[in-house]
Amino acid sequence: MNPKVLIVDDEPVALHMLEEALKIGGFEIFRAYGAEDALRKVKLRKPDIVLTDLEMPGLNGVELIAMIKRDPDIQGTPVIAVTAHTWDTIGQAAAQVGADGQIAKPFSPQQLVEKVRECLALRLGDAELGSLRPGPQESRRARAPVPLLRPAVVPDASEPVTPPGAGSPIFNRDTFLEYVDGDRANAQRAIAVLLGNLPSRLESIRRAIAYRDREALRTTAHAVKGAVAFFAAPVVVAAAYRLEMMGDSGDLTEAGAVYFDLERAIADLTEALQEFEREVANGPVPKLHLARSR
């Protein structure tokens, strides 16, 4: 039996990308939609490893890791923190309470699978892990070398959001295809998950600004930033990050203007992704090409 992996996140795109990447490695996967749900499933289903987001409503990922590591019945379960935060903040807190590893969003399938194998080898041993049956995609190709893990590039919150000019990329197709392992069906599913989720996220941000709810603004903008990062859309990421930092500081003076920038950038991204999806549906996945803004 292949190792069992519990993935924990409240963000649908992140859950999708985690699950699809782990399928390539041949793992048995099950989901939890928050820390409370995850704690129940760790105790009930005894996964071989847990991958958890750190920024979640209610109990956050740091608190989940601490609770797992304090419980004698499950404290031996390896936990990897998966986060769009920089390592000098919440990532350090995760390490201090016992996280066995960290990986940044966005990640490639090869990066994620390699990190999970590395942590599992310490628990199961190389011999047992060596019997892991690969997923169908991995079995068809030799595993590529895995680049060094590094945090996602975080934009400077003090810089204004600059819309892409004529001919500049709204999202990078090559990078997105790397994140979905070049899989056409996975690309289509990821786009569907993102576009199905963004309208409610935008409405939550709009309401948070209107009611001056800084915590709701911070957490929702952070979720948008983490989801859109998998699509290599820097303008959307930059606008979401600025709103996240405004929520963190409590200074919402410019939040309305930045929300307008975010809304406009998401409209451009939506149009580009829909065009890309049509191309994917009608033929081979286009390679080495940048989606262009109008």
C-alpha atoms as a PDB file:
ATOM      1  CA  MET A   1       0.000   0.000   0.000  1.00  0.00           C
ATOM      2  CA  ASN A   2       1.296   3.431  -0.932  1.00  0.00           C
ATOM      3  CA  PRO A   3       1.870   6.026   1.807  1.00  0.00           C
ATOM      4  CA  LYS A   4      -1.169   8.038   2.899  1.00  0.00           C
ATOM      5  CA  VAL A   5      -0.933  11.817   2.671  1.00  0.00           C
ATOM      6  CA  LEU A   6      -3.373  14.208   4.341  1.00  0.00           C
ATOM      7  CA  ILE A   7      -3.527  17.609   2.643  1.00  0.00           C
ATOM      8  CA  VAL A   8      -4.962  20.534   4.617  1.00  0.00           C
ATOM      9  CA  ASP A   9      -6.042  23.869   3.143  1.00  0.00           C
ATOM     10  CA  ASP A  10      -9.115  26.075   2.963  1.00  0.00           C
ATOM     11  CA  GLU A  11      -8.189  27.344  -0.517  1.00  0.00           C
ATOM     12  CA  PRO A  12      -9.630  25.230  -3.395  1.00  0.00           C
ATOM     13  CA  VAL A  13      -6.847  25.961  -5.896  1.00  0.00           C
ATOM     14  CA  ALA A  14      -4.143  24.984  -3.401  1.00  0.00           C
ATOM     15  CA  LEU A  15      -5.951  21.733  -2.562  1.00  0.00           C
ATOM     16  CA  HIS A  16      -6.281  20.946  -6.264  1.00  0.00           C
ATOM     17  CA  MET A  17      -2.599  21.598  -6.981  1.00  0.00           C
ATOM     18  CA  LEU A  18      -1.477  19.583  -3.963  1.00  0.00           C
ATOM     19  CA  GLU A  19      -3.657  16.628  -4.887  1.00  0.00           C
ATOM     20  CA  GLU A  20      -2.698  16.575  -8.551  1.00  0.00           C
ATOM     21  CA  ALA A  21       1.008  16.825  -7.759  1.00  0.00           C
ATOM     22  CA  LEU A  22       0.838  13.987  -5.231  1.00  0.00           C
ATOM     23  CA  LYS A  23      -1.060  11.765  -7.667  1.00  0.00           C
ATOM     24  CA  ILE A  24       1.985  11.934  -9.920  1.00  0.00           C
ATOM     25  CA  GLY A  25       4.041  10.473  -7.075  1.00  0.00           C
ATOM     26  CA  GLY A  26       1.561   7.643  -6.549  1.00  0.00           C
ATOM     27  CA  PHE A  27       0.499   8.594  -3.017  1.00  0.00           C
ATOM     28  CA  GLU A  28      -2.871   7.830  -1.455  1.00  0.00           C
ATOM     29  CA  ILE A  29      -4.410  11.243  -0.761  1.00  0.00           C
ATOM     30  CA  PHE A  30      -7.232  12.531   1.380  1.00  0.00           C
ATOM     31  CA  ARG A  31      -8.300  16.085   2.180  1.00  0.00           C
ATOM     32  CA  ALA A  32      -9.103  18.224   5.189  1.00  0.00           C
ATOM     33  CA  TYR A  33     -10.638  21.658   4.774  1.00  0.00           C
ATOM     34  CA  GLY A  34      -9.287  23.252   7.938  1.00  0.00           C
ATOM     35  CA  ALA A  35      -7.234  22.550  11.037  1.00  0.00           C
ATOM     36  CA  GLU A  36     -10.098  21.152  13.140  1.00  0.00           C
ATOM     37  CA  ASP A  37     -11.083  18.727  10.356  1.00  0.00           C
ATOM     38  CA  ALA A  38      -7.421  17.784   9.910  1.00  0.00           C
ATOM     39  CA  LEU A  39      -6.870  16.980  13.583  1.00  0.00           C
ATOM     40  CA  ARG A  40      -9.835  14.584  13.544  1.00  0.00           C
ATOM     41  CA  LYS A  41      -8.580  12.866  10.397  1.00  0.00           C
ATOM     42  CA  VAL A  42      -5.009  12.520  11.680  1.00  0.00           C
ATOM     43  CA  LYS A  43      -6.329  10.689  14.739  1.00  0.00           C
ATOM     44  CA  LEU A  44      -8.836   8.593  12.799  1.00  0.00           C
ATOM     45  CA  ARG A  45      -6.996   7.714   9.590  1.00  0.00           C
ATOM     46  CA  LYS A  46      -3.368   7.821  10.760  1.00  0.00           C
ATOM     47  CA  PRO A  47      -1.753   9.311   7.641  1.00  0.00           C
ATOM     48  CA  ASP A  48       1.933   8.735   7.001  1.00  0.00           C
ATOM     49  CA  ILE A  49       2.469  12.468   6.501  1.00  0.00           C
ATOM     50  CA  VAL A  50       0.495  15.729   6.693  1.00  0.00           C
ATOM     51  CA  LEU A  51       0.845  18.722   4.384  1.00  0.00           C
ATOM     52  CA  THR A  52      -0.814  21.807   5.826  1.00  0.00           C
ATOM     53  CA  ASP A  53      -1.356  25.391   4.857  1.00  0.00           C
ATOM     54  CA  LEU A  54      -0.474  27.834   7.630  1.00  0.00           C
ATOM     55  CA  GLU A  55      -2.992  30.639   7.043  1.00  0.00           C
ATOM     56  CA  MET A  56      -6.491  29.272   7.696  1.00  0.00           C
ATOM     57  CA  PRO A  57      -9.585  30.574   9.520  1.00  0.00           C
ATOM     58  CA  GLY A  58     -10.166  29.293  13.027  1.00  0.00           C
ATOM     59  CA  LEU A  59      -7.199  27.208  14.093  1.00  0.00           C
ATOM     60  CA  ASN A  60      -4.290  28.037  11.808  1.00  0.00           C
ATOM     61  CA  GLY A  61      -1.640  25.675  10.509  1.00  0.00           C
ATOM     62  CA  VAL A  62       0.905  26.560  13.188  1.00  0.00           C
ATOM     63  CA  GLU A  63      -1.619  25.668  15.887  1.00  0.00           C
ATOM     64  CA  LEU A  64      -2.442  22.421  14.062  1.00  0.00           C
ATOM     65  CA  ILE A  65       1.230  21.425  13.924  1.00  0.00           C
ATOM     66  CA  ALA A  66       1.658  22.219  17.615  1.00  0.00           C
ATOM     67  CA  MET A  67      -1.375  20.095  18.545  1.00  0.00           C
ATOM     68  CA  ILE A  68      -0.138  17.142  16.475  1.00  0.00           C
ATOM     69  CA  LYS A  69       3.333  17.334  17.986  1.00  0.00           C
ATOM     70  CA  ARG A  70       1.948  17.504  21.561  1.00  0.00           C
ATOM     71  CA  ASP A  71      -0.323  14.455  21.197  1.00  0.00           C
ATOM     72  CA  PRO A  72       1.534  11.233  22.137  1.00  0.00           C
ATOM     73  CA  ASP A  73      -0.650   9.151  19.812  1.00  0.00           C
ATOM     74  CA  ILE A  74       0.152  11.134  16.658  1.00  0.00           C
ATOM     75  CA  GLN A  75       3.230  13.210  17.453  1.00  0.00           C
ATOM     76  CA  GLY A  76       5.416  11.013  15.246  1.00  0.00           C
ATOM     77  CA  THR A  77       3.477  12.025  12.133  1.00  0.00           C
ATOM     78  CA  PRO A  78       5.694  14.162   9.880  1.00  0.00           C
ATOM     79  CA  VAL A  79       4.178  17.534   8.972  1.00  0.00           C
ATOM     80  CA  ILE A  80       5.222  19.760   6.069  1.00  0.00           C
ATOM     81  CA  ALA A  81       4.161  23.422   6.167  1.00  0.00           C
ATOM     82  CA  VAL A  82       2.944  24.672   2.784  1.00  0.00           C
ATOM     83  CA  THR A  83       2.780  28.449   2.693  1.00  0.00           C
ATOM     84  CA  ALA A  84       2.741  31.560   0.522  1.00  0.00           C
ATOM     85  CA  HIS A  85       4.263  33.511   3.432  1.00  0.00           C
ATOM     86  CA  THR A  86       7.921  34.433   3.605  1.00  0.00           C
ATOM     87  CA  TRP A  87      10.005  32.251   5.924  1.00  0.00           C
ATOM     88  CA  ASP A  88      10.845  35.069   8.363  1.00  0.00           C
ATOM     89  CA  THR A  89       7.285  35.239   9.715  1.00  0.00           C
ATOM     90  CA  ILE A  90       4.799  32.410  10.073  1.00  0.00           C
ATOM     91  CA  GLY A  91       7.225  29.908   8.554  1.00  0.00           C
ATOM     92  CA  GLN A  92       9.580  30.352  11.475  1.00  0.00           C
ATOM     93  CA  ALA A  93       6.701  29.858  13.886  1.00  0.00           C
ATOM     94  CA  ALA A  94       5.858  26.565  12.151  1.00  0.00           C
ATOM     95  CA  ALA A  95       9.456  25.388  12.521  1.00  0.00           C
ATOM     96  CA  GLN A  96       9.494  26.305  16.194  1.00  0.00           C
ATOM     97  CA  VAL A  97       6.460  24.137  16.985  1.00  0.00           C
ATOM     98  CA  GLY A  98       7.905  21.121  15.170  1.00  0.00           C
ATOM     99  CA  ALA A  99       7.224  21.281  11.429  1.00  0.00           C
ATOM    100  CA  ASP A 100       9.377  18.650   9.724  1.00  0.00           C
ATOM    101  CA  GLY A 101       9.748  20.657   6.522  1.00  0.00           C
ATOM    102  CA  GLN A 102       8.455  23.588   4.528  1.00  0.00           C
ATOM    103  CA  ILE A 103       7.686  24.257   0.895  1.00  0.00           C
ATOM    104  CA  ALA A 104       6.634  27.509  -0.729  1.00  0.00           C
ATOM    105  CA  LYS A 105       3.578  28.134  -2.837  1.00  0.00           C
ATOM    106  CA  PRO A 106       3.654  27.971  -5.783  1.00  0.00           C
ATOM    107  CA  PHE A 107       5.497  24.671  -6.256  1.00  0.00           C
ATOM    108  CA  SER A 108       6.075  22.304  -9.137  1.00  0.00           C
ATOM    109  CA  PRO A 109       4.902  18.681  -8.808  1.00  0.00           C
ATOM    110  CA  GLN A 110       8.523  17.509  -8.813  1.00  0.00           C
ATOM    111  CA  GLN A 111       9.414  19.847  -5.944  1.00  0.00           C
ATOM    112  CA  LEU A 112       6.485  18.715  -3.852  1.00  0.00           C
ATOM    113  CA  VAL A 113       6.903  14.986  -4.477  1.00  0.00           C
ATOM    114  CA  GLU A 114      10.617  15.175  -3.709  1.00  0.00           C
ATOM    115  CA  LYS A 115       9.996  17.025  -0.433  1.00  0.00           C
ATOM    116  CA  VAL A 116       7.353  14.502   0.657  1.00  0.00           C
ATOM    117  CA  ARG A 117       9.647  11.578  -0.187  1.00  0.00           C
ATOM    118  CA  GLU A 118      12.482  13.203   1.745  1.00  0.00           C
ATOM    119  CA  CYS A 119      10.358  13.505   4.907  1.00  0.00           C
ATOM    120  CA  LEU A 120       8.813  10.045   4.507  1.00  0.00           C
ATOM    121  CA  ALA A 121      12.221   8.416   4.096  1.00  0.00           C
ATOM    122  CA  LEU A 122      13.075   9.484   7.652  1.00  0.00           C
ATOM    123  CA  ARG A 123       9.956   7.739   8.977  1.00  0.00           C
ATOM    124  CA  LEU A 124       9.475   4.738   6.681  1.00  0.00           C
ATOM    125  CA  GLY A 125      13.042   4.130   5.579  1.00  0.00           C
ATOM    126  CA  ASP A 126      14.400   4.142   2.045  1.00  0.00           C
ATOM    127  CA  ALA A 127      13.610   0.456   1.484  1.00  0.00           C
ATOM    128  CA  GLU A 128       9.886   0.791   2.201  1.00  0.00           C
ATOM    129  CA  LEU A 129       9.639   4.071   0.330  1.00  0.00           C
ATOM    130  CA  GLY A 130      11.408   2.475  -2.604  1.00  0.00           C
ATOM    131  CA  SER A 131       8.415   0.166  -3.094  1.00  0.00           C
ATOM    132  CA  LEU A 132       6.135   3.154  -3.731  1.00  0.00           C
ATOM    133  CA  ARG A 133       4.165   2.567  -6.905  1.00  0.00           C
ATOM    134  CA  PRO A 134       4.477   5.703  -9.066  1.00  0.00           C
ATOM    135  CA  GLY A 135       1.445   7.473 -10.444  1.00  0.00           C
ATOM    136  CA  PRO A 136       0.622   7.028 -14.139  1.00  0.00           C
ATOM    137  CA  GLN A 137       2.346  10.239 -15.256  1.00  0.00           C
ATOM    138  CA  GLU A 138       5.551   9.582 -13.358  1.00  0.00           C
ATOM    139  CA  SER A 139       5.750   6.003 -14.562  1.00  0.00           C
ATOM    140  CA  ARG A 140       5.794   7.250 -18.165  1.00  0.00           C
ATOM    141  CA  ARG A 141       8.814   9.476 -17.781  1.00  0.00           C
ATOM    142  CA  ALA A 142      12.091   9.672 -15.956  1.00  0.00           C
ATOM    143  CA  ARG A 143      11.974  11.996 -12.994  1.00  0.00           C
ATOM    144  CA  ALA A 144      13.546  15.366 -13.784  1.00  0.00           C
ATOM    145  CA  PRO A 145      16.110  16.929 -11.462  1.00  0.00           C
ATOM    146  CA  VAL A 146      14.414  19.004  -8.773  1.00  0.00           C
ATOM    147  CA  PRO A 147      15.582  22.622  -8.425  1.00  0.00           C
ATOM    148  CA  LEU A 148      16.336  24.016  -4.992  1.00  0.00           C
ATOM    149  CA  LEU A 149      13.230  24.999  -3.061  1.00  0.00           C
ATOM    150  CA  ARG A 150      12.892  28.719  -2.558  1.00  0.00           C
ATOM    151  CA  PRO A 151      10.105  31.001  -1.315  1.00  0.00           C
ATOM    152  CA  ALA A 152       7.858  32.582  -3.922  1.00  0.00           C
ATOM    153  CA  VAL A 153       8.968  36.057  -4.927  1.00  0.00           C
ATOM    154  CA  VAL A 154       6.958  38.548  -2.864  1.00  0.00           C
ATOM    155  CA  PRO A 155       6.315  41.985  -4.389  1.00  0.00           C
ATOM    156  CA  ASP A 156       7.115  45.199  -2.562  1.00  0.00           C
ATOM    157  CA  ALA A 157       3.876  46.357  -0.904  1.00  0.00           C
ATOM    158  CA  SER A 158       5.000  49.974  -1.106  1.00  0.00           C
ATOM    159  CA  GLU A 159       5.133  49.911  -4.889  1.00  0.00           C
ATOM    160  CA  PRO A 160       2.039  50.896  -6.902  1.00  0.00           C
ATOM    161  CA  VAL A 161       0.352  48.188  -8.918  1.00  0.00           C
ATOM    162  CA  THR A 162       1.323  48.699 -12.547  1.00  0.00           C
ATOM    163  CA  PRO A 163      -1.019  47.219 -15.152  1.00  0.00           C
ATOM    164  CA  PRO A 164       0.745  45.256 -17.890  1.00  0.00           C
ATOM    165  CA  GLY A 165       1.410  47.305 -20.976  1.00  0.00           C
ATOM    166  CA  ALA A 166       0.564  46.291 -24.502  1.00  0.00           C
ATOM    167  CA  GLY A 167       2.259  42.996 -25.265  1.00  0.00           C
ATOM    168  CA  SER A 168       3.360  42.282 -21.695  1.00  0.00           C
ATOM    169  CA  PRO A 169       2.281  39.042 -19.991  1.00  0.00           C
ATOM    170  CA  ILE A 170      -0.825  38.876 -17.806  1.00  0.00           C
ATOM    171  CA  PHE A 171       0.137  35.290 -17.008  1.00  0.00           C
ATOM    172  CA  ASN A 172       3.025  33.080 -18.028  1.00  0.00           C
ATOM    173  CA  ARG A 173       1.805  29.950 -19.789  1.00  0.00           C
ATOM    174  CA  ASP A 174       5.119  28.137 -19.539  1.00  0.00           C
ATOM    175  CA  THR A 175       5.291  28.556 -15.775  1.00  0.00           C
ATOM    176  CA  PHE A 176       1.653  27.544 -15.314  1.00  0.00           C
ATOM    177  CA  LEU A 177       2.242  24.431 -17.438  1.00  0.00           C
ATOM    178  CA  GLU A 178       5.219  23.575 -15.240  1.00  0.00           C
ATOM    179  CA  TYR A 179       2.966  23.763 -12.169  1.00  0.00           C
ATOM    180  CA  VAL A 180       0.461  21.340 -13.779  1.00  0.00           C
ATOM    181  CA  ASP A 181       3.220  19.084 -15.151  1.00  0.00           C
ATOM    182  CA  GLY A 182       2.165  19.807 -18.740  1.00  0.00           C
ATOM    183  CA  ASP A 183      -1.093  17.922 -18.198  1.00  0.00           C
ATOM    184  CA  ARG A 184      -3.901  19.311 -20.370  1.00  0.00           C
ATOM    185  CA  ALA A 185      -6.753  17.968 -18.245  1.00  0.00           C
ATOM    186  CA  ASN A 186      -5.102  19.195 -15.051  1.00  0.00           C
ATOM    187  CA  ALA A 187      -4.654  22.651 -16.583  1.00  0.00           C
ATOM    188  CA  GLN A 188      -8.336  22.806 -17.472  1.00  0.00           C
ATOM    189  CA  ARG A 189      -9.410  21.658 -14.008  1.00  0.00           C
ATOM    190  CA  ALA A 190      -7.115  24.157 -12.295  1.00  0.00           C
ATOM    191  CA  ILE A 191      -8.511  27.011 -14.379  1.00  0.00           C
ATOM    192  CA  ALA A 192     -12.077  25.931 -13.604  1.00  0.00           C
ATOM    193  CA  VAL A 193     -11.346  25.828  -9.858  1.00  0.00           C
ATOM    194  CA  LEU A 194      -9.719  29.271  -9.885  1.00  0.00           C
ATOM    195  CA  LEU A 195     -12.374  30.995 -11.992  1.00  0.00           C
ATOM    196  CA  GLY A 196     -15.143  29.388  -9.968  1.00  0.00           C
ATOM    197  CA  ASN A 197     -13.651  30.723  -6.747  1.00  0.00           C
ATOM    198  CA  LEU A 198     -12.466  34.231  -7.623  1.00  0.00           C
ATOM    199  CA  PRO A 199     -15.879  36.019  -7.746  1.00  0.00           C
ATOM    200  CA  SER A 200     -16.704  35.118  -4.137  1.00  0.00           C
ATOM    201  CA  ARG A 201     -13.185  36.088  -3.037  1.00  0.00           C
ATOM    202  CA  LEU A 202     -13.528  39.489  -4.723  1.00  0.00           C
ATOM    203  CA  GLU A 203     -16.885  40.054  -3.057  1.00  0.00           C
ATOM    204  CA  SER A 204     -15.383  39.147   0.331  1.00  0.00           C
ATOM    205  CA  ILE A 205     -12.572  41.658  -0.209  1.00  0.00           C
ATOM    206  CA  ARG A 206     -15.038  44.361  -1.283  1.00  0.00           C
ATOM    207  CA  ARG A 207     -17.133  43.801   1.825  1.00  0.00           C
ATOM    208  CA  ALA A 208     -14.070  43.734   4.083  1.00  0.00           C
ATOM    209  CA  ILE A 209     -13.017  47.146   2.750  1.00  0.00           C
ATOM    210  CA  ALA A 210     -16.542  48.554   3.044  1.00  0.00           C
ATOM    211  CA  TYR A 211     -16.859  47.414   6.668  1.00  0.00           C
ATOM    212  CA  ARG A 212     -13.193  48.130   7.439  1.00  0.00           C
ATOM    213  CA  ASP A 213     -12.667  44.546   8.536  1.00  0.00           C
ATOM    214  CA  ARG A 214      -8.880  44.415   8.392  1.00  0.00           C
ATOM    215  CA  GLU A 215      -8.565  40.736   9.349  1.00  0.00           C
ATOM    216  CA  ALA A 216     -11.027  39.583   6.683  1.00  0.00           C
ATOM    217  CA  LEU A 217      -9.177  41.742   4.155  1.00  0.00           C
ATOM    218  CA  ARG A 218      -5.813  40.312   5.152  1.00  0.00           C
ATOM    219  CA  THR A 219      -6.837  36.656   5.055  1.00  0.00           C
ATOM    220  CA  THR A 220      -8.911  36.847   1.864  1.00  0.00           C
ATOM    221  CA  ALA A 221      -6.285  38.817  -0.052  1.00  0.00           C
ATOM    222  CA  HIS A 222      -3.679  36.316   1.135  1.00  0.00           C
ATOM    223  CA  ALA A 223      -5.812  33.457  -0.214  1.00  0.00           C
ATOM    224  CA  VAL A 224      -6.155  35.185  -3.590  1.00  0.00           C
ATOM    225  CA  LYS A 225      -2.407  35.803  -3.720  1.00  0.00           C
ATOM    226  CA  GLY A 226      -1.611  32.153  -3.008  1.00  0.00           C
ATOM    227  CA  ALA A 227      -4.117  30.807  -5.535  1.00  0.00           C
ATOM    228  CA  VAL A 228      -3.173  33.122  -8.398  1.00  0.00           C
ATOM    229  CA  ALA A 229       0.563  32.550  -7.865  1.00  0.00           C
ATOM    230  CA  PHE A 230       0.139  29.105  -9.472  1.00  0.00           C
ATOM    231  CA  PHE A 231      -0.892  30.889 -12.671  1.00  0.00           C
ATOM    232  CA  ALA A 232       2.190  33.126 -12.710  1.00  0.00           C
ATOM    233  CA  ALA A 233       0.098  36.319 -12.834  1.00  0.00           C
ATOM    234  CA  PRO A 234       2.372  38.948 -11.229  1.00  0.00           C
ATOM    235  CA  VAL A 235       0.024  41.931 -11.482  1.00  0.00           C
ATOM    236  CA  VAL A 236      -2.792  40.085  -9.692  1.00  0.00           C
ATOM    237  CA  VAL A 237      -0.358  38.771  -7.069  1.00  0.00           C
ATOM    238  CA  ALA A 238       1.015  42.286  -6.482  1.00  0.00           C
ATOM    239  CA  ALA A 239      -2.440  43.825  -6.004  1.00  0.00           C
ATOM    240  CA  ALA A 240      -3.559  41.034  -3.663  1.00  0.00           C
ATOM    241  CA  TYR A 241      -0.347  41.351  -1.672  1.00  0.00           C
ATOM    242  CA  ARG A 242      -0.823  45.100  -1.227  1.00  0.00           C
ATOM    243  CA  LEU A 243      -4.328  44.518   0.116  1.00  0.00           C
ATOM    244  CA  GLU A 244      -3.017  41.791   2.421  1.00  0.00           C
ATOM    245  CA  MET A 245      -0.441  44.202   3.841  1.00  0.00           C
ATOM    246  CA  MET A 246      -3.065  46.930   4.242  1.00  0.00           C
ATOM    247  CA  GLY A 247      -5.180  44.521   6.244  1.00  0.00           C
ATOM    248  CA  ASP A 248      -2.148  43.597   8.319  1.00  0.00           C
ATOM    249  CA  SER A 249      -1.288  47.234   9.102  1.00  0.00           C
ATOM    250  CA  GLY A 250      -4.874  48.460   9.465  1.00  0.00           C
ATOM    251  CA  ASP A 251      -4.276  51.375   7.083  1.00  0.00           C
ATOM    252  CA  LEU A 252      -7.057  51.003   4.498  1.00  0.00           C
ATOM    253  CA  THR A 253      -6.723  54.507   3.059  1.00  0.00           C
ATOM    254  CA  GLU A 254      -5.778  53.276  -0.418  1.00  0.00           C
ATOM    255  CA  ALA A 255      -7.623  49.966  -0.246  1.00  0.00           C
ATOM    256  CA  GLY A 256     -10.462  51.039  -2.535  1.00  0.00           C
ATOM    257  CA  ALA A 257      -8.077  52.077  -5.301  1.00  0.00           C
ATOM    258  CA  VAL A 258      -6.021  48.892  -5.003  1.00  0.00           C
ATOM    259  CA  TYR A 259      -9.219  46.828  -5.016  1.00  0.00           C
ATOM    260  CA  PHE A 260     -10.084  48.456  -8.348  1.00  0.00           C
ATOM    261  CA  ASP A 261      -6.622  47.468  -9.645  1.00  0.00           C
ATOM    262  CA  LEU A 262      -7.156  43.906  -8.429  1.00  0.00           C
ATOM    263  CA  GLU A 263     -10.612  43.672  -9.990  1.00  0.00           C
ATOM    264  CA  ARG A 264      -9.305  44.927 -13.330  1.00  0.00           C
ATOM    265  CA  ALA A 265      -6.294  42.598 -13.267  1.00  0.00           C
ATOM    266  CA  ILE A 266      -8.506  39.606 -12.442  1.00  0.00           C
ATOM    267  CA  ALA A 267     -10.791  40.499 -15.364  1.00  0.00           C
ATOM    268  CA  ASP A 268      -7.760  40.510 -17.684  1.00  0.00           C
ATOM    269  CA  LEU A 269      -6.517  37.233 -16.227  1.00  0.00           C
ATOM    270  CA  THR A 270      -9.943  35.625 -16.572  1.00  0.00           C
ATOM    271  CA  GLU A 271     -10.105  36.571 -20.244  1.00  0.00           C
ATOM    272  CA  ALA A 272      -6.598  35.241 -20.880  1.00  0.00           C
ATOM    273  CA  LEU A 273      -7.267  31.964 -19.044  1.00  0.00           C
ATOM    274  CA  GLN A 274     -10.517  31.414 -20.925  1.00  0.00           C
ATOM    275  CA  GLU A 275      -8.705  31.958 -24.223  1.00  0.00           C
ATOM    276  CA  PHE A 276      -5.963  29.582 -23.125  1.00  0.00           C
ATOM    277  CA  GLU A 277      -8.560  27.009 -22.057  1.00  0.00           C
ATOM    278  CA  ARG A 278     -10.164  27.120 -25.511  1.00  0.00           C
ATOM    279  CA  GLU A 279      -6.786  26.562 -27.140  1.00  0.00           C
ATOM    280  CA  VAL A 280      -6.065  23.630 -24.827  1.00  0.00           C
ATOM    281  CA  ALA A 281      -9.463  22.065 -25.570  1.00  0.00           C
ATOM    282  CA  ASN A 282      -8.894  22.298 -29.332  1.00  0.00           C
ATOM    283  CA  GLY A 283      -5.406  20.884 -29.576  1.00  0.00           C
ATOM    284  CA  PRO A 284      -2.041  20.193 -27.944  1.00  0.00           C
ATOM    285  CA  VAL A 285      -1.086  22.265 -24.939  1.00  0.00           C
ATOM    286  CA  PRO A 286       0.749  25.338 -26.309  1.00  0.00           C
ATOM    287  CA  LYS A 287       4.340  25.493 -25.109  1.00  0.00           C
ATOM    288  CA  LEU A 288       6.922  28.253 -24.835  1.00  0.00           C
ATOM    289  CA  HIS A 289       4.414  31.031 -25.183  1.00  0.00           C
ATOM    290  CA  LEU A 290       3.355  33.917 -23.008  1.00  0.00           C
ATOM    291  CA  ALA A 291      -0.275  34.911 -22.639  1.00  0.00           C
ATOM    292  CA  ARG A 292      -0.455  38.564 -23.623  1.00  0.00           C
ATOM    293  CA  SER A 293      -2.653  41.308 -22.293  1.00  0.00           C
ATOM    294  CA  ARG A 294      -4.644  43.353 -24.762  1.00  0.00           C
END
